[in-house]
Amino acid sequence: MPPARTVISPVSSQWAHHRPFFPVDGLSLEHFIAVDVHNYLVKMGDLVSR
């Protein structure tokens, strides 16, 4: 398996304008996915609470 950096690097440029605060480089892919899931749940929670 390639290092996480090579997996995430193209994604980081792709999502850079969505989350400029998110330091993608150096983080594991698992953490990246966990943050995505968390953001998704927060969005869903916002929709449900309205």
Protein backbone atom coordinates (compact mmCIF):
# COMPACT_ATOMS: atom_id res chain seq x y z
CA MET A 1 0.00 0.00 0.00
CA PRO A 2 1.35 3.46 -0.82
CA PRO A 3 1.95 5.95 1.99
CA ALA A 4 -1.11 7.91 3.08
CA ARG A 5 0.40 11.10 1.71
CA THR A 6 0.33 9.84 -1.89
CA VAL A 7 -3.27 8.71 -1.47
CA ILE A 8 -4.43 12.01 0.04
CA SER A 9 -2.39 14.57 -1.92
CA PRO A 10 -4.66 14.69 -5.00
CA VAL A 11 -7.67 14.82 -2.70
CA SER A 12 -6.20 17.72 -0.72
CA SER A 13 -5.96 19.97 -3.78
CA GLN A 14 -9.43 18.85 -4.83
CA TRP A 15 -10.97 19.73 -1.46
CA ALA A 16 -8.69 22.63 -0.55
CA HIS A 17 -11.33 25.26 -1.33
CA HIS A 18 -13.89 23.36 0.76
CA ARG A 19 -11.80 23.08 3.91
CA PRO A 20 -8.76 25.35 3.91
CA PHE A 21 -8.41 24.76 7.66
CA PHE A 22 -7.84 21.02 7.23
CA PRO A 23 -4.13 20.06 7.19
CA VAL A 24 -4.41 16.99 4.96
CA ASP A 25 -0.71 16.24 4.49
CA GLY A 26 0.70 13.91 7.11
CA LEU A 27 -2.64 12.69 8.42
CA SER A 28 -3.75 9.13 7.92
CA LEU A 29 -6.48 8.26 5.44
CA GLU A 30 -8.53 6.89 8.33
CA HIS A 31 -8.48 10.28 10.05
CA PHE A 32 -9.40 12.00 6.79
CA ILE A 33 -12.43 9.70 6.38
CA ALA A 34 -13.39 10.14 10.04
CA VAL A 35 -13.47 13.93 9.59
CA ASP A 36 -15.59 13.52 6.45
CA VAL A 37 -18.05 11.30 8.30
CA HIS A 38 -18.14 13.72 11.24
CA ASN A 39 -18.85 16.69 8.95
CA TYR A 40 -21.55 14.69 7.19
CA LEU A 41 -23.22 13.78 10.49
CA VAL A 42 -23.07 17.40 11.62
CA LYS A 43 -24.75 18.50 8.38
CA MET A 44 -27.43 15.83 8.76
CA GLY A 45 -27.97 16.88 12.38
CA ASP A 46 -28.43 20.47 11.25
CA LEU A 47 -31.06 19.39 8.73
CA VAL A 48 -32.88 17.20 11.26
CA SER A 49 -32.93 19.86 13.96
CA ARG A 50 -34.62 22.40 11.68
